[in-house]
N, C-alpha and C. Protein backbone atom coordinates (compact mmCIF):
# COMPACT_ATOMS: atom_id res chain seq x y z
N UNK A 1 -76.62 108.02 -95.69
CA UNK A 1 -77.24 108.40 -93.87
C UNK A 1 -78.33 107.21 -94.52
N UNK A 2 -78.47 106.72 -94.04
CA UNK A 2 -79.61 105.38 -93.96
C UNK A 2 -80.63 106.06 -93.04
N UNK A 3 -81.90 105.31 -93.62
CA UNK A 3 -83.09 106.18 -92.62
C UNK A 3 -84.39 105.08 -93.01
N UNK A 4 -85.07 104.80 -91.77
CA UNK A 4 -86.37 103.81 -91.68
C UNK A 4 -86.94 104.58 -90.80
N UNK A 5 -88.44 104.12 -91.46
CA UNK A 5 -89.23 105.06 -90.57
C UNK A 5 -89.85 103.59 -89.28
N UNK A 6 -90.20 103.95 -88.25
CA UNK A 6 -90.59 103.16 -87.61
C UNK A 6 -91.91 103.73 -86.47
N UNK A 7 -92.08 103.08 -85.54
CA UNK A 7 -93.02 103.80 -84.22
C UNK A 7 -92.30 103.14 -82.86
N UNK A 8 -92.23 104.58 -81.64
CA UNK A 8 -91.90 103.82 -80.94
C UNK A 8 -92.47 103.16 -80.22
N UNK A 9 -92.00 102.11 -79.31
CA UNK A 9 -92.58 101.47 -78.66
C UNK A 9 -92.11 101.26 -77.04
N UNK A 10 -91.71 101.51 -76.87
CA UNK A 10 -91.18 101.85 -75.04
C UNK A 10 -90.46 102.51 -75.28
N UNK A 11 -90.33 102.95 -74.18
CA UNK A 11 -89.17 104.13 -73.68
C UNK A 11 -89.16 103.98 -72.09
N UNK A 12 -87.24 103.71 -71.20
CA UNK A 12 -86.72 103.79 -70.64
C UNK A 12 -86.21 104.92 -69.93
N UNK A 13 -85.92 105.62 -69.23
CA UNK A 13 -85.47 106.93 -68.69
C UNK A 13 -85.08 106.69 -67.60
N UNK A 14 -83.27 107.28 -67.76
CA UNK A 14 -82.58 107.21 -66.17
C UNK A 14 -81.77 108.80 -66.20
N UNK A 15 -81.92 109.39 -64.95
CA UNK A 15 -81.40 110.42 -65.56
C UNK A 15 -81.59 111.51 -66.60
N UNK A 16 -80.70 111.96 -67.85
CA UNK A 16 -80.70 112.35 -68.28
C UNK A 16 -80.89 111.51 -69.78
N UNK A 17 -80.54 110.22 -70.04
CA UNK A 17 -80.34 109.21 -70.85
C UNK A 17 -81.87 108.26 -71.24
N UNK A 18 -82.63 108.27 -72.07
CA UNK A 18 -83.66 107.72 -72.60
C UNK A 18 -83.08 106.07 -73.44
N UNK A 19 -83.45 105.09 -73.30
CA UNK A 19 -83.22 104.44 -73.95
C UNK A 19 -84.47 103.76 -74.78
N UNK A 20 -84.72 103.83 -76.14
CA UNK A 20 -85.98 104.46 -76.77
C UNK A 20 -85.69 102.50 -78.24
N UNK A 21 -87.03 102.19 -77.24
CA UNK A 21 -87.32 101.13 -78.32
C UNK A 21 -87.99 101.64 -79.63
N UNK A 22 -88.03 100.85 -81.13
CA UNK A 22 -88.53 101.14 -82.35
C UNK A 22 -88.90 100.17 -82.64
N UNK A 23 -90.03 100.04 -83.64
CA UNK A 23 -90.61 98.97 -84.69
C UNK A 23 -90.86 99.15 -85.73
N UNK A 24 -89.84 98.68 -86.54
CA UNK A 24 -89.49 98.85 -87.81
C UNK A 24 -89.73 97.37 -88.49
N UNK A 25 -90.97 97.81 -89.18
CA UNK A 25 -91.73 96.49 -89.95
C UNK A 25 -91.62 95.20 -88.97
N UNK A 26 -91.19 94.26 -88.96
CA UNK A 26 -91.08 93.06 -88.21
C UNK A 26 -89.78 93.22 -87.10
N UNK A 27 -89.29 93.96 -86.99
CA UNK A 27 -88.27 93.99 -86.26
C UNK A 27 -88.00 95.43 -84.82
N UNK A 28 -86.90 94.40 -83.80
CA UNK A 28 -87.13 95.91 -82.75
C UNK A 28 -85.94 96.67 -83.11
N UNK A 29 -85.61 97.93 -82.98
CA UNK A 29 -84.32 98.92 -82.95
C UNK A 29 -84.56 99.57 -81.33
N UNK A 30 -82.95 99.49 -81.25
CA UNK A 30 -82.98 100.69 -80.24
C UNK A 30 -82.21 101.34 -80.14
N UNK A 31 -82.09 102.48 -79.62
CA UNK A 31 -81.35 103.42 -79.56
C UNK A 31 -81.22 104.75 -78.25
N UNK A 32 -79.88 105.19 -78.02
CA UNK A 32 -80.30 105.75 -76.57
C UNK A 32 -79.88 107.43 -77.08
N UNK A 33 -80.38 107.95 -76.41
CA UNK A 33 -80.88 109.60 -76.79
C UNK A 33 -80.44 110.38 -74.98
N UNK A 34 -80.03 111.70 -75.52
CA UNK A 34 -79.83 112.20 -74.56
C UNK A 34 -80.89 113.44 -74.41
N UNK A 35 -81.42 113.03 -73.74
CA UNK A 35 -83.08 113.04 -73.74
C UNK A 35 -83.95 113.03 -73.18
N UNK A 36 -85.04 113.67 -72.69
CA UNK A 36 -86.42 112.45 -71.76
C UNK A 36 -87.40 113.13 -72.53
N UNK A 37 -88.18 112.38 -71.98
CA UNK A 37 -89.86 112.77 -72.34
C UNK A 37 -90.34 113.94 -71.65
N UNK A 38 -90.14 114.74 -70.70
CA UNK A 38 -89.94 115.97 -70.22
C UNK A 38 -89.06 116.64 -70.83
N UNK A 39 -87.97 116.98 -71.74
CA UNK A 39 -87.09 117.43 -72.98
C UNK A 39 -88.01 117.83 -73.99
N UNK A 40 -88.27 116.99 -74.77
CA UNK A 40 -88.40 116.70 -75.85
C UNK A 40 -90.01 115.69 -76.37
N UNK A 41 -90.74 116.32 -77.13
CA UNK A 41 -92.02 116.30 -77.59
C UNK A 41 -91.89 114.63 -78.42
N UNK A 42 -91.01 114.45 -79.11
CA UNK A 42 -91.06 113.41 -79.75
C UNK A 42 -91.24 111.81 -79.18
N UNK A 43 -90.40 111.81 -77.79
CA UNK A 43 -90.04 110.66 -77.08
C UNK A 43 -91.72 110.37 -76.57
N UNK A 44 -92.57 109.45 -77.11
CA UNK A 44 -93.50 109.30 -76.89
C UNK A 44 -94.17 108.14 -77.51
N UNK A 45 -95.11 107.31 -76.68
CA UNK A 45 -95.04 105.95 -77.18
C UNK A 45 -96.34 105.42 -78.20
N UNK A 46 -96.05 105.23 -79.74
CA UNK A 46 -96.99 105.43 -80.34
C UNK A 46 -96.48 106.25 -81.74
N UNK A 47 -95.63 106.93 -81.00
CA UNK A 47 -95.69 108.07 -82.08
C UNK A 47 -94.28 107.48 -83.19
N UNK A 48 -94.69 107.81 -84.42
CA UNK A 48 -93.88 107.60 -85.81
C UNK A 48 -92.34 108.71 -85.65
N UNK A 49 -91.53 107.48 -85.70
CA UNK A 49 -90.02 108.48 -86.14
C UNK A 49 -89.48 107.80 -87.38
N UNK A 50 -88.13 108.40 -87.35
CA UNK A 50 -87.54 107.86 -88.13
C UNK A 50 -85.96 107.54 -87.81
N UNK A 51 -85.52 106.31 -88.29
CA UNK A 51 -84.34 105.68 -87.29
C UNK A 51 -83.11 106.24 -88.67
N UNK A 52 -82.01 106.67 -87.98
CA UNK A 52 -81.22 107.10 -89.00
C UNK A 52 -79.61 106.71 -88.38
N UNK A 53 -79.21 105.94 -89.15
CA UNK A 53 -77.26 105.75 -88.90
C UNK A 53 -76.70 106.06 -89.88
N UNK A 54 -75.61 106.15 -90.28
CA UNK A 54 -74.17 106.29 -90.88
C UNK A 54 -74.08 104.87 -91.70
N UNK A 55 -73.83 104.94 -92.69
CA UNK A 55 -73.11 104.16 -93.47
C UNK A 55 -71.97 103.49 -92.94
N UNK A 56 -71.21 104.09 -92.90
CA UNK A 56 -70.04 103.02 -91.86
C UNK A 56 -70.33 102.98 -90.46
N UNK A 57 -71.41 103.02 -89.98
CA UNK A 57 -71.70 102.29 -88.26
C UNK A 57 -72.56 101.03 -88.91
N UNK A 58 -72.30 100.78 -89.80
CA UNK A 58 -73.05 99.07 -90.30
C UNK A 58 -72.28 98.19 -90.76
N UNK A 59 -72.43 97.56 -89.72
CA UNK A 59 -71.77 96.36 -89.76
C UNK A 59 -72.26 94.93 -90.53
N UNK A 60 -71.51 94.55 -90.92
CA UNK A 60 -72.21 92.93 -91.75
C UNK A 60 -71.45 91.53 -91.18
N UNK A 61 -72.78 91.06 -90.85
CA UNK A 61 -72.24 89.74 -90.30
C UNK A 61 -72.89 88.69 -91.38
N UNK A 62 -72.45 87.11 -91.37
CA UNK A 62 -73.27 85.68 -91.85
C UNK A 62 -73.27 84.89 -90.74
N UNK A 63 -73.99 83.78 -90.84
CA UNK A 63 -74.75 83.18 -89.69
C UNK A 63 -75.01 83.75 -88.43
N UNK A 64 -74.75 82.68 -87.54
CA UNK A 64 -75.51 83.18 -86.19
C UNK A 64 -74.10 83.50 -85.10
N UNK A 65 -74.01 84.93 -85.04
CA UNK A 65 -72.94 85.12 -83.76
C UNK A 65 -73.79 85.33 -82.51
N UNK A 66 -73.21 84.89 -81.15
CA UNK A 66 -73.49 85.44 -80.06
C UNK A 66 -72.61 86.83 -80.00
N UNK A 67 -73.46 87.80 -80.27
CA UNK A 67 -72.92 89.20 -79.58
C UNK A 67 -73.74 90.54 -79.11
N UNK A 68 -72.87 91.63 -78.84
CA UNK A 68 -74.09 92.44 -77.71
C UNK A 68 -74.39 93.11 -78.92
N UNK A 69 -74.43 92.75 -79.94
CA UNK A 69 -75.59 94.30 -80.70
C UNK A 69 -76.77 93.59 -81.11
N UNK A 70 -77.88 94.42 -80.39
CA UNK A 70 -79.15 94.52 -80.70
C UNK A 70 -79.93 94.53 -81.92
N UNK A 71 -79.59 95.30 -82.59
CA UNK A 71 -79.76 96.15 -83.52
C UNK A 71 -79.44 95.31 -84.52
N UNK A 72 -80.12 94.82 -85.36
CA UNK A 72 -80.08 93.54 -86.50
C UNK A 72 -80.75 93.74 -87.20
N UNK A 73 -80.71 93.46 -88.56
CA UNK A 73 -81.62 93.75 -89.68
C UNK A 73 -81.46 93.00 -90.76
N UNK A 74 -82.62 91.67 -90.74
CA UNK A 74 -81.78 90.79 -92.03
C UNK A 74 -82.01 91.34 -93.34
N UNK A 75 -81.00 90.97 -94.20
CA UNK A 75 -81.20 91.90 -95.58
C UNK A 75 -80.18 90.96 -96.64
N UNK A 76 -80.48 91.49 -97.64
CA UNK A 76 -80.22 90.47 -99.04
C UNK A 76 -79.12 91.91 -99.57
N UNK A 77 -77.88 90.86 -100.14
CA UNK A 77 -77.20 92.47 -100.46
C UNK A 77 -77.46 92.67 -102.03
N UNK A 78 -77.28 93.50 -102.90
CA UNK A 78 -78.56 94.22 -103.80
C UNK A 78 -77.18 93.92 -104.84
N UNK A 79 -76.08 95.37 -104.61
CA UNK A 79 -75.16 95.42 -105.00
C UNK A 79 -73.42 95.79 -104.66
N UNK A 80 -72.40 95.56 -104.91
CA UNK A 80 -70.96 95.75 -104.06
C UNK A 80 -70.22 96.70 -105.09
N UNK A 81 -69.89 97.63 -104.57
CA UNK A 81 -69.15 98.80 -105.36
C UNK A 81 -67.93 98.53 -104.63
N UNK A 82 -66.95 97.81 -105.27
CA UNK A 82 -65.49 97.30 -104.80
C UNK A 82 -64.52 98.46 -104.83
N UNK A 83 -63.88 99.22 -103.87
CA UNK A 83 -62.63 100.02 -104.12
C UNK A 83 -61.86 99.00 -103.66
N UNK A 84 -60.47 99.87 -103.59
CA UNK A 84 -59.17 99.29 -103.01
C UNK A 84 -59.79 98.52 -101.66
N UNK A 85 -59.11 100.09 -100.84
CA UNK A 85 -59.81 100.07 -99.50
C UNK A 85 -60.95 99.49 -98.44
N UNK A 86 -61.77 100.36 -99.46
CA UNK A 86 -62.99 100.24 -99.17
C UNK A 86 -63.97 99.81 -99.67
N UNK A 87 -65.39 99.26 -99.36
CA UNK A 87 -66.21 98.94 -100.40
C UNK A 87 -67.51 99.44 -99.70
N UNK A 88 -68.33 99.84 -100.71
CA UNK A 88 -70.00 100.68 -100.51
C UNK A 88 -70.94 99.12 -100.58
N UNK A 89 -71.42 98.43 -99.81
CA UNK A 89 -72.62 97.09 -100.06
C UNK A 89 -74.13 97.81 -99.82
N UNK A 90 -74.72 97.74 -101.15
CA UNK A 90 -76.29 98.00 -100.83
C UNK A 90 -76.89 96.73 -100.41
N UNK A 91 -77.85 97.35 -99.43
CA UNK A 91 -78.65 95.88 -98.45
C UNK A 91 -80.27 96.73 -98.94
N UNK A 92 -80.79 95.08 -99.03
CA UNK A 92 -82.18 95.50 -98.90
C UNK A 92 -82.70 94.87 -97.94
N UNK A 93 -83.93 95.41 -97.25
CA UNK A 93 -84.59 94.64 -96.04
C UNK A 93 -86.06 95.44 -96.59
N UNK A 94 -86.90 94.71 -96.66
CA UNK A 94 -88.42 94.53 -97.09
C UNK A 94 -88.51 95.65 -98.67
N UNK A 95 -88.75 96.78 -98.33
CA UNK A 95 -89.57 97.57 -99.44
C UNK A 95 -87.66 98.67 -99.21
N UNK A 96 -87.24 98.70 -98.04
CA UNK A 96 -86.23 99.84 -97.86
C UNK A 96 -85.00 99.23 -97.98
N UNK A 97 -83.65 100.33 -99.04
CA UNK A 97 -82.35 100.30 -99.22
C UNK A 97 -81.66 100.65 -98.01
N UNK A 98 -80.61 99.73 -97.86
CA UNK A 98 -79.68 100.40 -96.71
C UNK A 98 -78.27 100.10 -97.85
N UNK A 99 -77.16 101.43 -96.68
CA UNK A 99 -76.05 100.56 -97.06
C UNK A 99 -74.88 100.57 -95.97
N UNK A 100 -73.38 100.24 -96.61
CA UNK A 100 -72.73 99.97 -95.36
C UNK A 100 -71.49 100.00 -96.29
N UNK A 101 -70.79 100.73 -95.44
CA UNK A 101 -69.37 101.07 -96.13
C UNK A 101 -68.30 99.79 -95.06
N UNK A 102 -67.65 98.86 -95.83
CA UNK A 102 -66.65 98.17 -95.09
C UNK A 102 -65.57 97.88 -95.40
N UNK A 103 -64.23 97.40 -95.16
CA UNK A 103 -63.13 97.34 -96.25
C UNK A 103 -63.62 96.21 -96.60
N UNK A 104 -62.79 96.63 -97.99
CA UNK A 104 -62.67 95.70 -98.85
C UNK A 104 -61.65 93.87 -98.97
N UNK A 105 -61.06 93.98 -97.62
CA UNK A 105 -60.37 92.88 -97.16
C UNK A 105 -61.82 91.82 -96.38
N UNK A 106 -62.63 92.59 -95.81
CA UNK A 106 -63.74 92.20 -95.40
C UNK A 106 -65.11 91.56 -96.01
N UNK A 107 -64.97 92.12 -97.35
CA UNK A 107 -66.06 91.44 -98.51
C UNK A 107 -65.23 90.30 -98.93
N UNK A 108 -63.92 90.11 -98.97
CA UNK A 108 -63.46 89.09 -99.60
C UNK A 108 -63.15 88.07 -98.59
N UNK A 109 -63.09 88.25 -96.97
CA UNK A 109 -63.25 87.36 -96.56
C UNK A 109 -64.48 86.77 -95.83
N UNK A 110 -65.40 87.60 -95.79
CA UNK A 110 -67.15 87.06 -96.17
C UNK A 110 -68.03 86.39 -97.35
N UNK A 111 -66.75 86.66 -98.04
CA UNK A 111 -67.40 86.12 -99.77
C UNK A 111 -68.28 86.51 -99.96
N UNK A 112 -68.31 88.05 -99.83
CA UNK A 112 -69.59 88.67 -100.12
C UNK A 112 -70.23 89.06 -101.55
N UNK A 113 -71.19 88.38 -102.48
CA UNK A 113 -71.68 88.86 -103.33
C UNK A 113 -72.67 89.43 -103.42
N UNK A 114 -73.23 89.69 -104.56
CA UNK A 114 -75.08 90.04 -104.69
C UNK A 114 -75.93 88.68 -104.46
N UNK A 115 -76.82 89.04 -103.83
CA UNK A 115 -77.90 87.88 -103.65
C UNK A 115 -77.65 87.12 -102.06
N UNK A 116 -75.98 87.39 -101.70
CA UNK A 116 -75.93 87.08 -100.11
C UNK A 116 -77.17 87.21 -99.30
N UNK A 117 -77.71 86.75 -98.36
CA UNK A 117 -78.22 87.10 -96.98
C UNK A 117 -77.14 87.19 -96.34
N UNK A 118 -77.54 88.31 -95.43
CA UNK A 118 -76.58 88.85 -93.83
C UNK A 118 -77.81 89.44 -93.45
N UNK A 119 -76.44 89.45 -91.93
CA UNK A 119 -77.05 90.49 -91.13
C UNK A 119 -76.57 91.99 -90.91
N UNK A 120 -77.12 92.85 -90.99
CA UNK A 120 -76.68 94.56 -91.42
C UNK A 120 -77.09 94.82 -89.19
N UNK A 121 -76.10 95.32 -88.85
CA UNK A 121 -75.72 95.22 -87.32
C UNK A 121 -75.10 96.87 -87.04
N UNK A 122 -76.52 97.50 -86.57
CA UNK A 122 -75.46 99.03 -85.45
C UNK A 122 -75.48 98.67 -84.61
N UNK A 123 -74.83 99.72 -83.47
CA UNK A 123 -74.52 100.05 -82.33
C UNK A 123 -75.50 100.43 -82.14
N UNK A 124 -76.57 100.66 -80.48
CA UNK A 124 -77.40 101.64 -80.20
C UNK A 124 -76.72 102.91 -79.91
N UNK A 125 -75.57 103.03 -79.74
CA UNK A 125 -75.49 104.69 -79.31
C UNK A 125 -75.17 105.62 -80.46
N UNK A 126 -74.81 104.47 -82.02
CA UNK A 126 -75.05 104.90 -83.41
C UNK A 126 -76.03 105.15 -83.90
N UNK A 127 -77.66 105.08 -83.54
CA UNK A 127 -78.54 105.14 -84.14
C UNK A 127 -79.38 106.57 -83.50
N UNK A 128 -79.46 107.59 -84.74
CA UNK A 128 -80.34 108.76 -84.45
C UNK A 128 -81.45 108.65 -84.26
N UNK A 129 -82.48 109.79 -83.84
CA UNK A 129 -83.75 109.62 -83.87
C UNK A 129 -84.08 111.04 -85.11
N UNK A 130 -85.34 111.15 -85.32
CA UNK A 130 -85.77 112.04 -86.01
C UNK A 130 -86.97 112.17 -86.50
N UNK A 131 -87.76 113.78 -86.16
CA UNK A 131 -89.43 113.68 -86.47
C UNK A 131 -89.55 113.59 -87.85
């Protein structure tokens, strides 16, 4: 499980859903949660929060593509553990290490190697928050 510390910068609620924006170093991350500031104490602007997401939810991209994913982290590949079907990619973002599990075919198609700069992306609905 990937875990990044951040600070809640904005909260937008509609019904029982809340869109939370979190500042992590110099990037902004979003998460949608089925809670509201009225139902949980941790949803407060300025509050420190942990942003968590599974390795299998990290999408790797190279170059500039126009896609709807908002959560984008500029990273550099540190290591690749290539399996027959799946590969584990270790990424570096500032002082943080992240992991991604993608198909080995994708590693080959994107010509990924240690040292390559890539964008790690995570869908908003796959981001969990923890105190």
